[in-house]
């Protein structure tokens, strides 16, 4: 059975993924799940819902609070618990989603953090690194308008620019099983 790490997204998507991988009522899909984010869960410093503490109580699940802007902290997150094999799958939900953050914050907490996680995953030859890409693109005034991947859709403001540049940086990592998932249309 594979093992996985979920980085970031505690205040957005990672709780749902954790519930899928290690359901409260059901068989787990992983042998070990590590969840890493900047927030505290005891006591919670962000909304974690009613089900998530039950998931954290499962002995297959481990939560780590970490500053992922520090390369050594990222490397430590990849060291499995004693007796566990190396991690197979990395889910990266990191990145700043607030439009009011400065460009330097966007660079440091979106591009830099994703780069550090991806480089460590590549170095350790994980089976797959999956990055959630938020839809910060100008897709026009019609929400029904479809766009092909061949179209040159422009990122929206500073936030969109650095999410887009993060994709470019990650795509440049050689010999790497890299997958991007987009959450929805803009």
N, C-alpha and C. Protein backbone atom coordinates (compact mmCIF):
# COMPACT_ATOMS: atom_id res chain seq x y z
N UNK A 1 0.85 -1.17 0.00
CA UNK A 1 0.00 0.00 0.00
C UNK A 1 0.90 1.24 0.00
N UNK A 2 0.60 2.24 -0.81
CA UNK A 2 1.47 3.42 -0.90
C UNK A 2 1.34 4.32 0.33
N UNK A 3 2.30 5.23 0.43
CA UNK A 3 2.25 6.25 1.48
C UNK A 3 2.28 7.62 0.79
N UNK A 4 1.84 8.64 1.51
CA UNK A 4 1.72 9.96 0.88
C UNK A 4 1.98 11.07 1.88
N UNK A 5 2.36 12.22 1.31
CA UNK A 5 2.46 13.47 2.07
C UNK A 5 1.55 14.48 1.39
N UNK A 6 0.81 15.22 2.19
CA UNK A 6 0.03 16.35 1.70
C UNK A 6 0.68 17.60 2.28
N UNK A 7 1.15 18.48 1.41
CA UNK A 7 1.73 19.75 1.83
C UNK A 7 0.71 20.86 1.64
N UNK A 8 0.50 21.66 2.68
CA UNK A 8 -0.35 22.85 2.59
C UNK A 8 -1.82 22.53 2.40
N UNK A 9 -2.59 23.60 2.19
CA UNK A 9 -4.00 23.47 1.88
C UNK A 9 -4.91 23.12 3.02
N UNK A 10 -4.41 23.20 4.26
CA UNK A 10 -5.26 22.84 5.39
C UNK A 10 -6.52 23.70 5.44
N UNK A 11 -6.39 24.95 5.01
CA UNK A 11 -7.55 25.85 5.02
C UNK A 11 -8.31 25.83 3.70
N UNK A 12 -7.94 24.92 2.78
CA UNK A 12 -8.67 24.82 1.51
C UNK A 12 -9.01 23.36 1.19
N UNK A 13 -8.14 22.63 0.52
CA UNK A 13 -8.49 21.33 -0.06
C UNK A 13 -7.91 20.10 0.64
N UNK A 14 -6.86 20.24 1.41
CA UNK A 14 -6.16 19.04 1.89
C UNK A 14 -6.97 18.21 2.88
N UNK A 15 -7.88 18.84 3.62
CA UNK A 15 -8.70 18.06 4.56
C UNK A 15 -9.57 17.06 3.79
N UNK A 16 -10.10 17.47 2.65
CA UNK A 16 -10.93 16.57 1.85
C UNK A 16 -10.10 15.42 1.28
N UNK A 17 -8.88 15.70 0.83
CA UNK A 17 -8.01 14.64 0.33
C UNK A 17 -7.64 13.68 1.45
N UNK A 18 -7.34 14.21 2.62
CA UNK A 18 -7.01 13.35 3.77
C UNK A 18 -8.19 12.44 4.10
N UNK A 19 -9.41 12.97 4.04
CA UNK A 19 -10.61 12.16 4.32
C UNK A 19 -10.81 11.08 3.27
N UNK A 20 -10.40 11.33 2.04
CA UNK A 20 -10.48 10.32 0.99
C UNK A 20 -9.43 9.23 1.21
N UNK A 21 -8.21 9.63 1.54
CA UNK A 21 -7.11 8.68 1.70
C UNK A 21 -7.23 7.85 2.98
N UNK A 22 -7.72 8.47 4.04
CA UNK A 22 -7.88 7.78 5.33
C UNK A 22 -9.27 8.12 5.87
N UNK A 23 -10.30 7.46 5.34
CA UNK A 23 -11.65 7.80 5.77
C UNK A 23 -11.89 7.43 7.23
N UNK A 24 -12.76 8.21 7.88
CA UNK A 24 -13.10 7.92 9.27
C UNK A 24 -13.77 6.55 9.37
N UNK A 25 -14.68 6.28 8.46
CA UNK A 25 -15.37 4.99 8.40
C UNK A 25 -15.06 4.32 7.08
N UNK A 26 -14.07 3.47 7.07
CA UNK A 26 -13.71 2.80 5.83
C UNK A 26 -12.25 2.42 5.83
N UNK A 27 -11.87 1.72 4.79
CA UNK A 27 -10.50 1.24 4.66
C UNK A 27 -9.61 2.35 4.10
N UNK A 28 -8.41 2.49 4.66
CA UNK A 28 -7.49 3.51 4.15
C UNK A 28 -6.93 3.12 2.79
N UNK A 29 -6.57 4.14 2.02
CA UNK A 29 -5.94 3.92 0.72
C UNK A 29 -4.42 4.05 0.79
N UNK A 30 -3.90 4.42 1.97
CA UNK A 30 -2.46 4.58 2.17
C UNK A 30 -2.03 3.88 3.45
N UNK A 31 -0.75 3.51 3.49
CA UNK A 31 -0.22 2.88 4.70
C UNK A 31 0.19 3.94 5.73
N UNK A 32 0.50 5.12 5.25
CA UNK A 32 0.86 6.23 6.14
C UNK A 32 0.58 7.53 5.40
N UNK A 33 0.02 8.49 6.12
CA UNK A 33 -0.25 9.81 5.56
C UNK A 33 0.34 10.87 6.48
N UNK A 34 1.21 11.68 5.90
CA UNK A 34 1.74 12.83 6.64
C UNK A 34 1.12 14.08 6.03
N UNK A 35 0.65 14.96 6.88
CA UNK A 35 0.08 16.24 6.46
C UNK A 35 0.96 17.33 7.06
N UNK A 36 1.41 18.26 6.20
CA UNK A 36 2.33 19.30 6.63
C UNK A 36 1.77 20.65 6.23
N UNK A 37 1.69 21.57 7.20
CA UNK A 37 1.23 22.93 6.90
C UNK A 37 1.78 23.88 7.95
N UNK A 38 1.57 25.17 7.70
CA UNK A 38 2.06 26.20 8.62
C UNK A 38 1.15 26.37 9.83
N UNK A 39 -0.06 25.88 9.76
CA UNK A 39 -1.02 26.07 10.83
C UNK A 39 -0.85 25.05 11.94
N UNK A 40 -1.26 25.43 13.13
CA UNK A 40 -1.34 24.50 14.25
C UNK A 40 -2.71 23.84 14.20
N UNK A 41 -2.78 22.57 14.60
CA UNK A 41 -4.08 21.91 14.70
C UNK A 41 -4.49 21.68 16.15
N UNK A 42 -3.54 21.76 17.08
CA UNK A 42 -3.84 21.65 18.51
C UNK A 42 -3.05 22.72 19.23
N UNK A 43 -3.65 23.86 19.55
CA UNK A 43 -5.00 24.27 19.19
C UNK A 43 -5.03 24.72 17.72
N UNK A 44 -6.19 24.62 17.09
CA UNK A 44 -6.26 25.02 15.67
C UNK A 44 -6.12 26.52 15.49
N UNK A 45 -5.29 26.89 14.50
CA UNK A 45 -5.13 28.31 14.17
C UNK A 45 -5.78 28.62 12.82
N UNK A 46 -6.53 27.67 12.30
CA UNK A 46 -7.35 27.85 11.11
C UNK A 46 -8.54 26.90 11.26
N UNK A 47 -9.56 27.11 10.46
CA UNK A 47 -10.72 26.23 10.53
C UNK A 47 -10.34 24.84 10.05
N UNK A 48 -10.65 23.83 10.87
CA UNK A 48 -10.33 22.45 10.48
C UNK A 48 -11.58 21.55 10.45
N UNK A 49 -12.72 22.07 10.78
CA UNK A 49 -13.96 21.29 10.71
C UNK A 49 -14.08 20.29 11.84
N UNK A 50 -15.17 19.53 11.82
CA UNK A 50 -15.44 18.55 12.87
C UNK A 50 -14.86 17.17 12.56
N UNK A 51 -14.75 16.82 11.27
CA UNK A 51 -14.28 15.49 10.90
C UNK A 51 -12.76 15.38 10.93
N UNK A 52 -12.05 16.46 10.62
CA UNK A 52 -10.61 16.39 10.49
C UNK A 52 -9.90 15.93 11.76
N UNK A 53 -10.28 16.39 12.96
CA UNK A 53 -9.63 15.86 14.17
C UNK A 53 -9.78 14.34 14.30
N UNK A 54 -10.88 13.78 13.80
CA UNK A 54 -11.07 12.32 13.83
C UNK A 54 -10.07 11.64 12.89
N UNK A 55 -9.82 12.26 11.76
CA UNK A 55 -8.83 11.72 10.82
C UNK A 55 -7.44 11.77 11.44
N UNK A 56 -7.14 12.89 12.10
CA UNK A 56 -5.83 13.03 12.75
C UNK A 56 -5.63 12.02 13.87
N UNK A 57 -6.71 11.55 14.47
CA UNK A 57 -6.62 10.57 15.56
C UNK A 57 -6.24 9.18 15.05
N UNK A 58 -6.36 8.94 13.74
CA UNK A 58 -6.00 7.65 13.17
C UNK A 58 -4.48 7.48 13.25
N UNK A 59 -4.01 6.33 13.74
CA UNK A 59 -2.55 6.14 13.86
C UNK A 59 -1.80 6.13 12.53
N UNK A 60 -2.51 6.01 11.41
CA UNK A 60 -1.86 6.07 10.10
C UNK A 60 -1.56 7.50 9.67
N UNK A 61 -2.11 8.47 10.40
CA UNK A 61 -2.01 9.88 10.01
C UNK A 61 -1.10 10.62 10.99
N UNK A 62 -0.25 11.45 10.42
CA UNK A 62 0.65 12.28 11.21
C UNK A 62 0.55 13.71 10.71
N UNK A 63 0.43 14.66 11.62
CA UNK A 63 0.41 16.06 11.24
C UNK A 63 1.70 16.72 11.71
N UNK A 64 2.30 17.50 10.83
CA UNK A 64 3.50 18.28 11.17
C UNK A 64 3.26 19.74 10.85
N UNK A 65 3.55 20.60 11.79
CA UNK A 65 3.53 22.04 11.53
C UNK A 65 4.95 22.42 11.13
N UNK A 66 5.09 23.10 9.99
CA UNK A 66 6.44 23.41 9.50
C UNK A 66 6.44 24.70 8.70
N UNK A 67 7.58 25.37 8.71
CA UNK A 67 7.81 26.55 7.88
C UNK A 67 8.43 26.05 6.58
N UNK A 68 7.62 25.92 5.55
CA UNK A 68 8.08 25.32 4.30
C UNK A 68 8.89 26.27 3.42
N UNK A 69 9.15 27.47 3.90
CA UNK A 69 10.06 28.36 3.18
C UNK A 69 11.52 28.05 3.51
N UNK A 70 11.73 27.15 4.46
CA UNK A 70 13.08 26.76 4.90
C UNK A 70 13.43 25.41 4.28
N UNK A 71 14.47 25.36 3.43
CA UNK A 71 14.81 24.10 2.75
C UNK A 71 15.02 22.92 3.70
N UNK A 72 15.69 23.13 4.82
CA UNK A 72 15.93 22.03 5.77
C UNK A 72 14.62 21.51 6.35
N UNK A 73 13.65 22.38 6.56
CA UNK A 73 12.34 21.95 7.08
C UNK A 73 11.62 21.10 6.06
N UNK A 74 11.72 21.46 4.79
CA UNK A 74 11.11 20.67 3.73
C UNK A 74 11.76 19.29 3.67
N UNK A 75 13.08 19.24 3.70
CA UNK A 75 13.79 17.96 3.65
C UNK A 75 13.38 17.05 4.80
N UNK A 76 13.23 17.59 5.99
CA UNK A 76 12.82 16.80 7.15
C UNK A 76 11.43 16.19 6.96
N UNK A 77 10.56 16.88 6.26
CA UNK A 77 9.20 16.38 6.04
C UNK A 77 9.18 15.11 5.21
N UNK A 78 10.22 14.89 4.41
CA UNK A 78 10.28 13.72 3.54
C UNK A 78 10.86 12.49 4.24
N UNK A 79 11.37 12.65 5.44
CA UNK A 79 11.93 11.51 6.17
C UNK A 79 10.77 10.75 6.81
N UNK A 80 10.54 9.50 6.37
CA UNK A 80 9.39 8.76 6.91
C UNK A 80 9.65 8.33 8.36
N UNK A 81 8.57 8.02 9.08
CA UNK A 81 8.75 7.50 10.44
C UNK A 81 9.54 6.19 10.41
N UNK A 82 10.17 5.88 11.51
CA UNK A 82 10.97 4.66 11.59
C UNK A 82 10.10 3.45 11.23
N UNK A 83 10.65 2.60 10.38
CA UNK A 83 9.94 1.40 9.97
C UNK A 83 9.04 1.59 8.75
N UNK A 84 8.90 2.82 8.29
CA UNK A 84 8.07 3.10 7.13
C UNK A 84 8.96 3.26 5.89
N UNK A 85 8.49 2.80 4.73
CA UNK A 85 9.27 3.02 3.50
C UNK A 85 9.19 4.49 3.09
N UNK A 86 10.02 4.91 2.13
CA UNK A 86 9.94 6.29 1.63
C UNK A 86 8.55 6.58 1.07
N UNK A 87 8.20 7.84 1.04
CA UNK A 87 6.88 8.25 0.54
C UNK A 87 6.78 8.03 -0.97
N UNK A 88 5.59 7.62 -1.40
CA UNK A 88 5.34 7.35 -2.82
C UNK A 88 4.75 8.56 -3.54
N UNK A 89 3.79 9.21 -2.91
CA UNK A 89 3.04 10.28 -3.57
C UNK A 89 3.10 11.56 -2.75
N UNK A 90 3.30 12.66 -3.46
CA UNK A 90 3.36 13.98 -2.84
C UNK A 90 2.24 14.82 -3.44
N UNK A 91 1.40 15.36 -2.58
CA UNK A 91 0.32 16.25 -2.99
C UNK A 91 0.66 17.64 -2.48
N UNK A 92 0.81 18.58 -3.39
CA UNK A 92 1.25 19.93 -3.04
C UNK A 92 0.10 20.91 -3.22
N UNK A 93 -0.46 21.35 -2.09
CA UNK A 93 -1.52 22.35 -2.07
C UNK A 93 -1.00 23.69 -1.56
N UNK A 94 0.31 23.85 -1.54
CA UNK A 94 0.88 25.09 -1.00
C UNK A 94 0.66 26.25 -1.96
N UNK A 95 0.84 27.45 -1.44
CA UNK A 95 0.75 28.65 -2.26
C UNK A 95 -0.19 29.67 -1.66
N UNK A 96 0.15 30.90 -1.84
CA UNK A 96 -0.65 32.02 -1.32
C UNK A 96 -1.87 32.23 -2.20
N UNK A 97 -3.04 32.30 -1.59
CA UNK A 97 -4.27 32.47 -2.37
C UNK A 97 -4.93 33.83 -2.13
N UNK A 98 -4.29 34.66 -1.32
CA UNK A 98 -4.87 35.98 -1.05
C UNK A 98 -4.30 37.02 -2.02
N UNK A 99 -5.19 37.77 -2.64
CA UNK A 99 -4.79 38.80 -3.61
C UNK A 99 -4.09 39.99 -2.98
N UNK A 100 -4.23 40.19 -1.68
CA UNK A 100 -3.67 41.38 -1.04
C UNK A 100 -2.23 41.20 -0.58
N UNK A 101 -1.62 40.09 -0.89
CA UNK A 101 -0.22 39.84 -0.50
C UNK A 101 0.73 40.48 -1.51
N UNK A 102 1.89 40.90 -1.02
CA UNK A 102 2.88 41.54 -1.89
C UNK A 102 3.51 40.53 -2.84
N UNK A 103 4.19 41.07 -3.84
CA UNK A 103 4.87 40.21 -4.81
C UNK A 103 5.91 39.33 -4.13
N UNK A 104 6.67 39.86 -3.19
CA UNK A 104 7.70 39.06 -2.51
C UNK A 104 7.08 37.92 -1.71
N UNK A 105 5.93 38.15 -1.09
CA UNK A 105 5.24 37.08 -0.38
C UNK A 105 4.78 36.02 -1.36
N UNK A 106 4.24 36.45 -2.52
CA UNK A 106 3.82 35.50 -3.55
C UNK A 106 4.99 34.63 -4.02
N UNK A 107 6.12 35.26 -4.26
CA UNK A 107 7.30 34.53 -4.73
C UNK A 107 7.76 33.54 -3.67
N UNK A 108 7.85 33.99 -2.43
CA UNK A 108 8.39 33.16 -1.35
C UNK A 108 7.46 32.02 -0.96
N UNK A 109 6.16 32.28 -0.89
CA UNK A 109 5.24 31.26 -0.37
C UNK A 109 4.53 30.46 -1.45
N UNK A 110 4.62 30.87 -2.68
CA UNK A 110 4.02 30.08 -3.77
C UNK A 110 5.13 29.44 -4.59
N UNK A 111 5.89 30.22 -5.33
CA UNK A 111 6.92 29.68 -6.21
C UNK A 111 8.03 28.96 -5.43
N UNK A 112 8.60 29.62 -4.44
CA UNK A 112 9.74 29.05 -3.72
C UNK A 112 9.36 27.78 -2.97
N UNK A 113 8.24 27.79 -2.27
CA UNK A 113 7.85 26.60 -1.50
C UNK A 113 7.58 25.42 -2.44
N UNK A 114 6.84 25.64 -3.51
CA UNK A 114 6.57 24.55 -4.45
C UNK A 114 7.87 24.02 -5.06
N UNK A 115 8.78 24.92 -5.38
CA UNK A 115 10.08 24.51 -5.94
C UNK A 115 10.85 23.64 -4.95
N UNK A 116 10.90 24.05 -3.69
CA UNK A 116 11.62 23.28 -2.67
C UNK A 116 11.03 21.88 -2.51
N UNK A 117 9.71 21.80 -2.46
CA UNK A 117 9.04 20.51 -2.31
C UNK A 117 9.29 19.64 -3.54
N UNK A 118 9.15 20.21 -4.72
CA UNK A 118 9.33 19.45 -5.96
C UNK A 118 10.77 18.96 -6.12
N UNK A 119 11.74 19.81 -5.79
CA UNK A 119 13.14 19.39 -5.90
C UNK A 119 13.45 18.23 -4.96
N UNK A 120 12.93 18.30 -3.75
CA UNK A 120 13.16 17.22 -2.79
C UNK A 120 12.47 15.93 -3.26
N UNK A 121 11.27 16.06 -3.78
CA UNK A 121 10.55 14.89 -4.30
C UNK A 121 11.30 14.27 -5.48
N UNK A 122 11.84 15.11 -6.36
CA UNK A 122 12.60 14.62 -7.51
C UNK A 122 13.88 13.93 -7.05
N UNK A 123 14.54 14.54 -6.08
CA UNK A 123 15.79 13.96 -5.56
C UNK A 123 15.54 12.56 -4.99
N UNK A 124 14.41 12.40 -4.32
CA UNK A 124 14.09 11.12 -3.69
C UNK A 124 13.34 10.16 -4.62
N UNK A 125 13.08 10.62 -5.85
CA UNK A 125 12.44 9.79 -6.88
C UNK A 125 11.09 9.23 -6.42
N UNK A 126 10.24 10.12 -5.89
CA UNK A 126 8.89 9.68 -5.53
C UNK A 126 8.16 9.25 -6.80
N UNK A 127 7.10 8.46 -6.64
CA UNK A 127 6.36 7.98 -7.82
C UNK A 127 5.65 9.12 -8.52
N UNK A 128 5.13 10.07 -7.76
CA UNK A 128 4.43 11.19 -8.39
C UNK A 128 4.36 12.38 -7.45
N UNK A 129 4.49 13.55 -8.05
CA UNK A 129 4.29 14.83 -7.37
C UNK A 129 3.08 15.46 -8.05
N UNK A 130 2.04 15.74 -7.28
CA UNK A 130 0.81 16.32 -7.81
C UNK A 130 0.66 17.71 -7.23
N UNK A 131 0.60 18.70 -8.11
CA UNK A 131 0.49 20.10 -7.70
C UNK A 131 -0.89 20.64 -8.05
N UNK A 132 -1.57 21.20 -7.07
CA UNK A 132 -2.86 21.83 -7.32
C UNK A 132 -2.61 23.23 -7.86
N UNK A 133 -3.13 23.49 -9.05
CA UNK A 133 -2.99 24.80 -9.68
C UNK A 133 -4.30 25.56 -9.54
N UNK A 134 -4.26 26.67 -8.86
CA UNK A 134 -5.46 27.50 -8.70
C UNK A 134 -5.73 28.25 -10.01
N UNK A 135 -6.99 28.55 -10.30
CA UNK A 135 -7.36 29.14 -11.61
C UNK A 135 -7.27 30.67 -11.63
N UNK A 136 -6.09 31.20 -11.48
CA UNK A 136 -5.91 32.65 -11.46
C UNK A 136 -5.56 33.17 -12.86
N UNK A 137 -6.49 32.98 -13.80
CA UNK A 137 -6.29 33.40 -15.18
C UNK A 137 -7.47 34.22 -15.67
N UNK A 138 -7.20 35.11 -16.61
CA UNK A 138 -8.25 35.93 -17.22
C UNK A 138 -8.86 35.11 -18.36
N UNK A 139 -10.05 34.60 -18.10
CA UNK A 139 -10.72 33.78 -19.11
C UNK A 139 -11.87 34.53 -19.77
N UNK A 140 -11.89 35.83 -19.62
CA UNK A 140 -12.91 36.64 -20.26
C UNK A 140 -14.13 36.86 -19.39
N UNK A 141 -15.06 37.64 -19.91
CA UNK A 141 -16.23 38.01 -19.12
C UNK A 141 -17.27 36.90 -19.05
N UNK A 142 -17.22 35.96 -19.97
CA UNK A 142 -18.22 34.89 -19.99
C UNK A 142 -17.68 33.66 -19.26
N UNK A 143 -18.33 33.29 -18.19
CA UNK A 143 -17.89 32.11 -17.45
C UNK A 143 -18.18 30.83 -18.22
N UNK A 144 -18.98 30.92 -19.30
CA UNK A 144 -19.30 29.75 -20.11
C UNK A 144 -18.29 29.57 -21.25
N UNK A 145 -17.41 30.52 -21.42
CA UNK A 145 -16.43 30.44 -22.51
C UNK A 145 -15.42 29.33 -22.21
N UNK A 146 -15.22 28.47 -23.20
CA UNK A 146 -14.22 27.41 -23.06
C UNK A 146 -12.92 27.86 -23.70
N UNK A 147 -11.81 27.38 -23.17
CA UNK A 147 -10.50 27.73 -23.68
C UNK A 147 -9.70 26.45 -23.84
N UNK A 148 -8.95 26.38 -24.90
CA UNK A 148 -8.08 25.22 -25.10
C UNK A 148 -6.74 25.51 -24.44
N UNK A 149 -5.97 24.46 -24.24
CA UNK A 149 -4.66 24.63 -23.63
C UNK A 149 -3.69 25.31 -24.59
N UNK A 150 -4.03 25.41 -25.87
CA UNK A 150 -3.17 26.06 -26.84
C UNK A 150 -3.33 27.58 -26.81
N UNK A 151 -4.38 28.06 -26.21
CA UNK A 151 -4.60 29.50 -26.13
C UNK A 151 -3.68 30.11 -25.07
N UNK A 152 -3.30 31.33 -25.31
CA UNK A 152 -2.42 32.05 -24.39
C UNK A 152 -3.28 32.88 -23.43
N UNK A 153 -3.75 32.22 -22.39
CA UNK A 153 -4.58 32.89 -21.39
C UNK A 153 -3.66 33.56 -20.38
N UNK A 154 -3.89 34.80 -20.09
CA UNK A 154 -3.00 35.58 -19.22
C UNK A 154 -3.37 35.42 -17.74
N UNK A 155 -2.35 35.35 -16.89
CA UNK A 155 -2.61 35.31 -15.44
C UNK A 155 -3.24 36.63 -14.98
N UNK A 156 -4.02 36.54 -13.91
CA UNK A 156 -4.65 37.72 -13.33
C UNK A 156 -3.75 38.27 -12.23
N UNK A 157 -3.38 39.48 -12.30
CA UNK A 157 -2.61 40.25 -11.32
C UNK A 157 -1.37 39.52 -10.78
N UNK A 158 -0.77 40.06 -9.75
CA UNK A 158 0.47 39.52 -9.19
C UNK A 158 0.30 38.09 -8.72
N UNK A 159 -0.80 37.81 -8.09
CA UNK A 159 -1.06 36.46 -7.60
C UNK A 159 -1.04 35.46 -8.75
N UNK A 160 -1.76 35.74 -9.80
CA UNK A 160 -1.82 34.85 -10.96
C UNK A 160 -0.48 34.69 -11.64
N UNK A 161 0.26 35.78 -11.74
CA UNK A 161 1.58 35.72 -12.38
C UNK A 161 2.49 34.73 -11.66
N UNK A 162 2.51 34.78 -10.33
CA UNK A 162 3.44 33.90 -9.60
C UNK A 162 2.95 32.47 -9.51
N UNK A 163 1.64 32.24 -9.55
CA UNK A 163 1.14 30.86 -9.66
C UNK A 163 1.54 30.31 -11.03
N UNK A 164 1.42 31.13 -12.07
CA UNK A 164 1.79 30.70 -13.42
C UNK A 164 3.29 30.42 -13.51
N UNK A 165 4.09 31.31 -12.98
CA UNK A 165 5.55 31.12 -13.01
C UNK A 165 5.95 29.87 -12.23
N UNK A 166 5.20 29.55 -11.19
CA UNK A 166 5.47 28.32 -10.44
C UNK A 166 5.35 27.11 -11.34
N UNK A 167 4.34 27.08 -12.20
CA UNK A 167 4.20 25.98 -13.15
C UNK A 167 5.41 25.87 -14.06
N UNK A 168 5.88 27.01 -14.53
CA UNK A 168 7.04 27.01 -15.43
C UNK A 168 8.30 26.49 -14.72
N UNK A 169 8.49 26.90 -13.48
CA UNK A 169 9.66 26.45 -12.71
C UNK A 169 9.58 24.95 -12.47
N UNK A 170 8.41 24.46 -12.08
CA UNK A 170 8.27 23.03 -11.81
C UNK A 170 8.42 22.19 -13.07
N UNK A 171 7.92 22.69 -14.18
CA UNK A 171 8.03 21.96 -15.45
C UNK A 171 9.48 21.82 -15.91
N UNK A 172 10.35 22.68 -15.42
CA UNK A 172 11.76 22.64 -15.82
C UNK A 172 12.57 21.62 -15.02
N UNK A 173 11.97 21.01 -14.01
CA UNK A 173 12.68 20.00 -13.22
C UNK A 173 12.79 18.74 -14.05
N UNK A 174 14.01 18.27 -14.24
CA UNK A 174 14.29 17.15 -15.13
C UNK A 174 13.99 15.81 -14.46
N UNK A 175 13.60 14.83 -15.28
CA UNK A 175 13.39 13.44 -14.84
C UNK A 175 12.45 13.37 -13.65
N UNK A 176 11.25 13.81 -13.86
CA UNK A 176 10.35 13.98 -12.75
C UNK A 176 8.92 13.63 -13.12
N UNK A 177 8.26 12.83 -12.31
CA UNK A 177 6.85 12.48 -12.51
C UNK A 177 5.99 13.60 -11.92
N UNK A 178 5.60 14.53 -12.77
CA UNK A 178 4.94 15.76 -12.34
C UNK A 178 3.53 15.82 -12.92
N UNK A 179 2.56 16.10 -12.07
CA UNK A 179 1.18 16.22 -12.50
C UNK A 179 0.60 17.51 -11.94
N UNK A 180 -0.18 18.19 -12.76
CA UNK A 180 -0.85 19.40 -12.30
C UNK A 180 -2.36 19.15 -12.34
N UNK A 181 -3.02 19.61 -11.32
CA UNK A 181 -4.49 19.52 -11.28
C UNK A 181 -5.03 20.93 -11.08
N UNK A 182 -6.02 21.29 -11.88
CA UNK A 182 -6.62 22.60 -11.75
C UNK A 182 -7.96 22.44 -11.04
N UNK A 183 -8.23 23.36 -10.11
CA UNK A 183 -9.42 23.21 -9.28
C UNK A 183 -10.72 23.55 -10.02
N UNK A 184 -10.69 24.55 -10.91
CA UNK A 184 -11.90 24.91 -11.65
C UNK A 184 -11.56 26.04 -12.61
N UNK A 185 -12.59 26.49 -13.33
CA UNK A 185 -12.41 27.67 -14.19
C UNK A 185 -12.32 28.90 -13.32
N UNK A 186 -11.68 29.93 -13.83
CA UNK A 186 -11.57 31.19 -13.11
C UNK A 186 -12.92 31.85 -13.03
